[in-house]
Each structure stands twice: as C-alpha cells, then as structure tokens.
C-alpha cells in the first residue's frame, strides 16, 4: 500500500506530522550516533522541556522509530536508540537539516523584509478633487 498525502483521510499525514516535528527531527539526529539516556538527549537537544521530550519519545516509540531499554540497576538506567526504521529517516533529515543550515540567512532576511513591509504605513488614499 502506498499512501497519498493529499488525501485528508490518509494516515500518511500522521507520519508527516511525526517526522515534521522539530523535536522528532532533533531526536533522530541525536540518536544517529548511538543510544542515549534521557538526560543526555535533553542536554544535547537543548530548549526542550522534560514533558515535551517524554511525549516525543513515547510517540516515536509507538511509531516504531526508536526503542526504550530499561536496565535493572539502582537507580534504573533507561536508554533510547533508533530502530532500523528510525535509522532510515537519518538521510532525509540530514538533507533537510543541511538545507536549513545553508539557507538560514536567506530565510531570516526574507522574514525581516516581510516584517518591515507589514510595519510600513499604508500609502495615503488620494483626496477626491472638488
């Protein structure tokens, strides 16, 4: 079965939501080098709250993109690792990340131009001649 992302009822859209989420992208990039503990993931990614990272990791585990392994130690140690399916996302995500890094200045400049254009006063309407 091949999905159709333009069909509003196709589950492909759910997958695009998952892999288009910035936190999921950063988790894939971080775990590309090997398994990580939660705190190391959080520290490497930066700016993500523990609650949001937990939700992201649970969703990615549910979608088959990563595994969660609990080690019977005191205190318990938990590691997250990409599955083969998760690893298959590495190249596309790296390509998008590289594009973002190469084009960040152009995008920011475009945003600035748009912001200044929106803030400019509208030209005055011509006064009717009497």
C-alpha atoms as a PDB file:
ATOM      1  CA  UNK A   1       0.000   0.000   0.000  1.00  0.00           C
ATOM      2  CA  UNK A   2       1.315   3.437  -0.881  1.00  0.00           C
ATOM      3  CA  UNK A   3      -0.122   6.425   0.970  1.00  0.00           C
ATOM      4  CA  UNK A   4      -1.474   9.594  -0.597  1.00  0.00           C
ATOM      5  CA  UNK A   5      -0.510  12.630   1.493  1.00  0.00           C
ATOM      6  CA  UNK A   6      -3.021  14.783  -0.423  1.00  0.00           C
ATOM      7  CA  UNK A   7      -5.909  12.597   0.769  1.00  0.00           C
ATOM      8  CA  UNK A   8      -7.109  14.157   4.056  1.00  0.00           C
ATOM      9  CA  UNK A   9      -8.063  10.695   5.361  1.00  0.00           C
ATOM     10  CA  UNK A  10      -4.725   9.033   4.598  1.00  0.00           C
ATOM     11  CA  UNK A  11      -2.572   8.031   7.586  1.00  0.00           C
ATOM     12  CA  UNK A  12       0.453   9.340   5.670  1.00  0.00           C
ATOM     13  CA  UNK A  13      -0.399  12.727   7.146  1.00  0.00           C
ATOM     14  CA  UNK A  14       0.086  11.345  10.664  1.00  0.00           C
ATOM     15  CA  UNK A  15       3.561  10.179   9.701  1.00  0.00           C
ATOM     16  CA  UNK A  16       4.389  13.562   8.151  1.00  0.00           C
ATOM     17  CA  UNK A  17       3.293  15.208  11.403  1.00  0.00           C
ATOM     18  CA  UNK A  18       5.687  12.976  13.357  1.00  0.00           C
ATOM     19  CA  UNK A  19       8.739  13.419  11.134  1.00  0.00           C
ATOM     20  CA  UNK A  20       7.997  17.110  10.550  1.00  0.00           C
ATOM     21  CA  UNK A  21       8.051  17.865  14.273  1.00  0.00           C
ATOM     22  CA  UNK A  22      11.256  19.704  15.243  1.00  0.00           C
ATOM     23  CA  UNK A  23      11.741  17.635  18.378  1.00  0.00           C
ATOM     24  CA  UNK A  24      11.429  14.353  16.476  1.00  0.00           C
ATOM     25  CA  UNK A  25      13.938  15.616  13.918  1.00  0.00           C
ATOM     26  CA  UNK A  26      16.393  16.549  16.658  1.00  0.00           C
ATOM     27  CA  UNK A  27      15.910  13.195  18.415  1.00  0.00           C
ATOM     28  CA  UNK A  28      16.705  11.333  15.175  1.00  0.00           C
ATOM     29  CA  UNK A  29      19.815  13.461  14.626  1.00  0.00           C
ATOM     30  CA  UNK A  30      20.951  12.955  18.227  1.00  0.00           C
ATOM     31  CA  UNK A  31      20.360   9.198  18.260  1.00  0.00           C
ATOM     32  CA  UNK A  32      22.050   8.726  14.876  1.00  0.00           C
ATOM     33  CA  UNK A  33      25.366   8.309  16.699  1.00  0.00           C
ATOM     34  CA  UNK A  34      24.040   5.668  19.073  1.00  0.00           C
ATOM     35  CA  UNK A  35      21.845   5.162  22.138  1.00  0.00           C
ATOM     36  CA  UNK A  36      21.435   7.953  24.663  1.00  0.00           C
ATOM     37  CA  UNK A  37      19.979   8.336  28.115  1.00  0.00           C
ATOM     38  CA  UNK A  38      17.124  10.801  28.623  1.00  0.00           C
ATOM     39  CA  UNK A  39      19.214  13.486  30.317  1.00  0.00           C
ATOM     40  CA  UNK A  40      21.890  13.330  27.625  1.00  0.00           C
ATOM     41  CA  UNK A  41      19.212  13.603  24.921  1.00  0.00           C
ATOM     42  CA  UNK A  42      17.675  16.599  26.684  1.00  0.00           C
ATOM     43  CA  UNK A  43      21.040  18.303  27.153  1.00  0.00           C
ATOM     44  CA  UNK A  44      22.136  17.699  23.561  1.00  0.00           C
ATOM     45  CA  UNK A  45      18.866  18.927  22.055  1.00  0.00           C
ATOM     46  CA  UNK A  46      18.563  21.954  24.329  1.00  0.00           C
ATOM     47  CA  UNK A  47      15.444  24.042  24.839  1.00  0.00           C
ATOM     48  CA  UNK A  48      13.055  21.112  25.181  1.00  0.00           C
ATOM     49  CA  UNK A  49      11.138  20.582  28.398  1.00  0.00           C
ATOM     50  CA  UNK A  50      11.242  17.128  30.001  1.00  0.00           C
ATOM     51  CA  UNK A  51       7.489  16.786  29.451  1.00  0.00           C
ATOM     52  CA  UNK A  52       7.690  17.535  25.722  1.00  0.00           C
ATOM     53  CA  UNK A  53      10.720  15.290  25.262  1.00  0.00           C
ATOM     54  CA  UNK A  54       8.926  12.459  27.074  1.00  0.00           C
ATOM     55  CA  UNK A  55       5.857  12.900  24.855  1.00  0.00           C
ATOM     56  CA  UNK A  56       8.046  12.949  21.735  1.00  0.00           C
ATOM     57  CA  UNK A  57       9.967   9.836  22.758  1.00  0.00           C
ATOM     58  CA  UNK A  58       6.763   7.938  23.591  1.00  0.00           C
ATOM     59  CA  UNK A  59       5.207   8.868  20.244  1.00  0.00           C
ATOM     60  CA  UNK A  60       8.348   7.889  18.351  1.00  0.00           C
ATOM     61  CA  UNK A  61       8.476   4.570  20.217  1.00  0.00           C
ATOM     62  CA  UNK A  62       4.802   3.964  19.431  1.00  0.00           C
ATOM     63  CA  UNK A  63       5.527   4.714  15.744  1.00  0.00           C
ATOM     64  CA  UNK A  64       8.373   2.191  15.704  1.00  0.00           C
ATOM     65  CA  UNK A  65      11.137   4.788  15.241  1.00  0.00           C
ATOM     66  CA  UNK A  66      13.013   4.118  18.468  1.00  0.00           C
ATOM     67  CA  UNK A  67      13.307   1.667  21.313  1.00  0.00           C
ATOM     68  CA  UNK A  68      13.398   2.291  25.033  1.00  0.00           C
ATOM     69  CA  UNK A  69      15.534  -0.099  27.048  1.00  0.00           C
ATOM     70  CA  UNK A  70      15.362  -0.196  30.841  1.00  0.00           C
ATOM     71  CA  UNK A  71      18.371  -1.630  32.660  1.00  0.00           C
ATOM     72  CA  UNK A  72      17.812  -3.273  36.055  1.00  0.00           C
ATOM     73  CA  UNK A  73      20.152  -1.059  38.036  1.00  0.00           C
ATOM     74  CA  UNK A  74      19.784   1.194  41.046  1.00  0.00           C
ATOM     75  CA  UNK A  75      18.805   3.788  40.049  1.00  0.00           C
ATOM     76  CA  UNK A  76      17.275   2.356  36.883  1.00  0.00           C
ATOM     77  CA  UNK A  77      19.032   3.339  33.673  1.00  0.00           C
ATOM     78  CA  UNK A  78      16.962   3.938  30.536  1.00  0.00           C
ATOM     79  CA  UNK A  79      18.425   4.283  27.052  1.00  0.00           C
ATOM     80  CA  UNK A  80      16.787   5.263  23.794  1.00  0.00           C
ATOM     81  CA  UNK A  81      18.004   4.042  20.407  1.00  0.00           C
ATOM     82  CA  UNK A  82      16.795   4.293  16.834  1.00  0.00           C
ATOM     83  CA  UNK A  83      15.262   1.235  15.238  1.00  0.00           C
ATOM     84  CA  UNK A  84      16.120   0.338  11.633  1.00  0.00           C
ATOM     85  CA  UNK A  85      13.000   2.297  10.635  1.00  0.00           C
ATOM     86  CA  UNK A  86      14.232   5.295  12.631  1.00  0.00           C
ATOM     87  CA  UNK A  87      17.684   4.997  11.049  1.00  0.00           C
ATOM     88  CA  UNK A  88      16.038   5.094   7.614  1.00  0.00           C
ATOM     89  CA  UNK A  89      14.985   8.682   8.419  1.00  0.00           C
ATOM     90  CA  UNK A  90      18.560   9.775   9.020  1.00  0.00           C
ATOM     91  CA  UNK A  91      19.497  10.658   5.436  1.00  0.00           C
ATOM     92  CA  UNK A  92      16.326  12.621   4.595  1.00  0.00           C
ATOM     93  CA  UNK A  93      16.503  14.507   7.899  1.00  0.00           C
ATOM     94  CA  UNK A  94      20.205  15.245   7.443  1.00  0.00           C
ATOM     95  CA  UNK A  95      19.441  16.591   3.945  1.00  0.00           C
ATOM     96  CA  UNK A  96      16.711  18.896   5.270  1.00  0.00           C
ATOM     97  CA  UNK A  97      18.956  19.988   8.155  1.00  0.00           C
ATOM     98  CA  UNK A  98      21.780  20.783   5.728  1.00  0.00           C
ATOM     99  CA  UNK A  99      19.375  22.805   3.564  1.00  0.00           C
ATOM    100  CA  UNK A 100      18.250  24.736   6.670  1.00  0.00           C
ATOM    101  CA  UNK A 101      21.846  25.452   7.689  1.00  0.00           C
ATOM    102  CA  UNK A 102      22.754  26.643   4.195  1.00  0.00           C
ATOM    103  CA  UNK A 103      19.663  28.824   3.787  1.00  0.00           C
ATOM    104  CA  UNK A 104      19.049  30.201   7.277  1.00  0.00           C
ATOM    105  CA  UNK A 105      20.392  33.662   6.384  1.00  0.00           C
ATOM    106  CA  UNK A 106      18.192  33.936   3.275  1.00  0.00           C
ATOM    107  CA  UNK A 107      15.085  32.884   5.202  1.00  0.00           C
ATOM    108  CA  UNK A 108      15.789  35.319   8.045  1.00  0.00           C
ATOM    109  CA  UNK A 109      16.382  38.135   5.530  1.00  0.00           C
ATOM    110  CA  UNK A 110      13.072  37.342   3.817  1.00  0.00           C
ATOM    111  CA  UNK A 111      11.286  37.389   7.177  1.00  0.00           C
ATOM    112  CA  UNK A 112      12.835  40.742   8.018  1.00  0.00           C
ATOM    113  CA  UNK A 113      11.744  42.193   4.666  1.00  0.00           C
ATOM    114  CA  UNK A 114       8.215  40.905   5.200  1.00  0.00           C
ATOM    115  CA  UNK A 115       8.145  42.258   8.754  1.00  0.00           C
ATOM    116  CA  UNK A 116       9.248  45.720   7.596  1.00  0.00           C
ATOM    117  CA  UNK A 117       6.768  45.657   4.724  1.00  0.00           C
ATOM    118  CA  UNK A 118       3.942  44.813   7.130  1.00  0.00           C
ATOM    119  CA  UNK A 119       5.018  47.572   9.532  1.00  0.00           C
ATOM    120  CA  UNK A 120       5.222  50.270   6.867  1.00  0.00           C
ATOM    121  CA  UNK A 121       2.308  52.692   6.895  1.00  0.00           C
ATOM    122  CA  UNK A 122      -0.093  52.215   4.032  1.00  0.00           C
ATOM    123  CA  UNK A 123       0.113  54.874   1.371  1.00  0.00           C
ATOM    124  CA  UNK A 124      -2.433  57.631   1.878  1.00  0.00           C
ATOM    125  CA  UNK A 125      -5.505  57.409  -0.284  1.00  0.00           C
ATOM    126  CA  UNK A 126      -5.748  60.194  -2.820  1.00  0.00           C
ATOM    127  CA  UNK A 127      -8.072  63.031  -1.856  1.00  0.00           C
ATOM    128  CA  UNK A 128     -11.027  63.499  -4.160  1.00  0.00           C
ATOM    129  CA  UNK A 129     -10.846  66.597  -6.307  1.00  0.00           C
ATOM    130  CA  UNK A 130     -13.738  69.029  -5.760  1.00  0.00           C
END
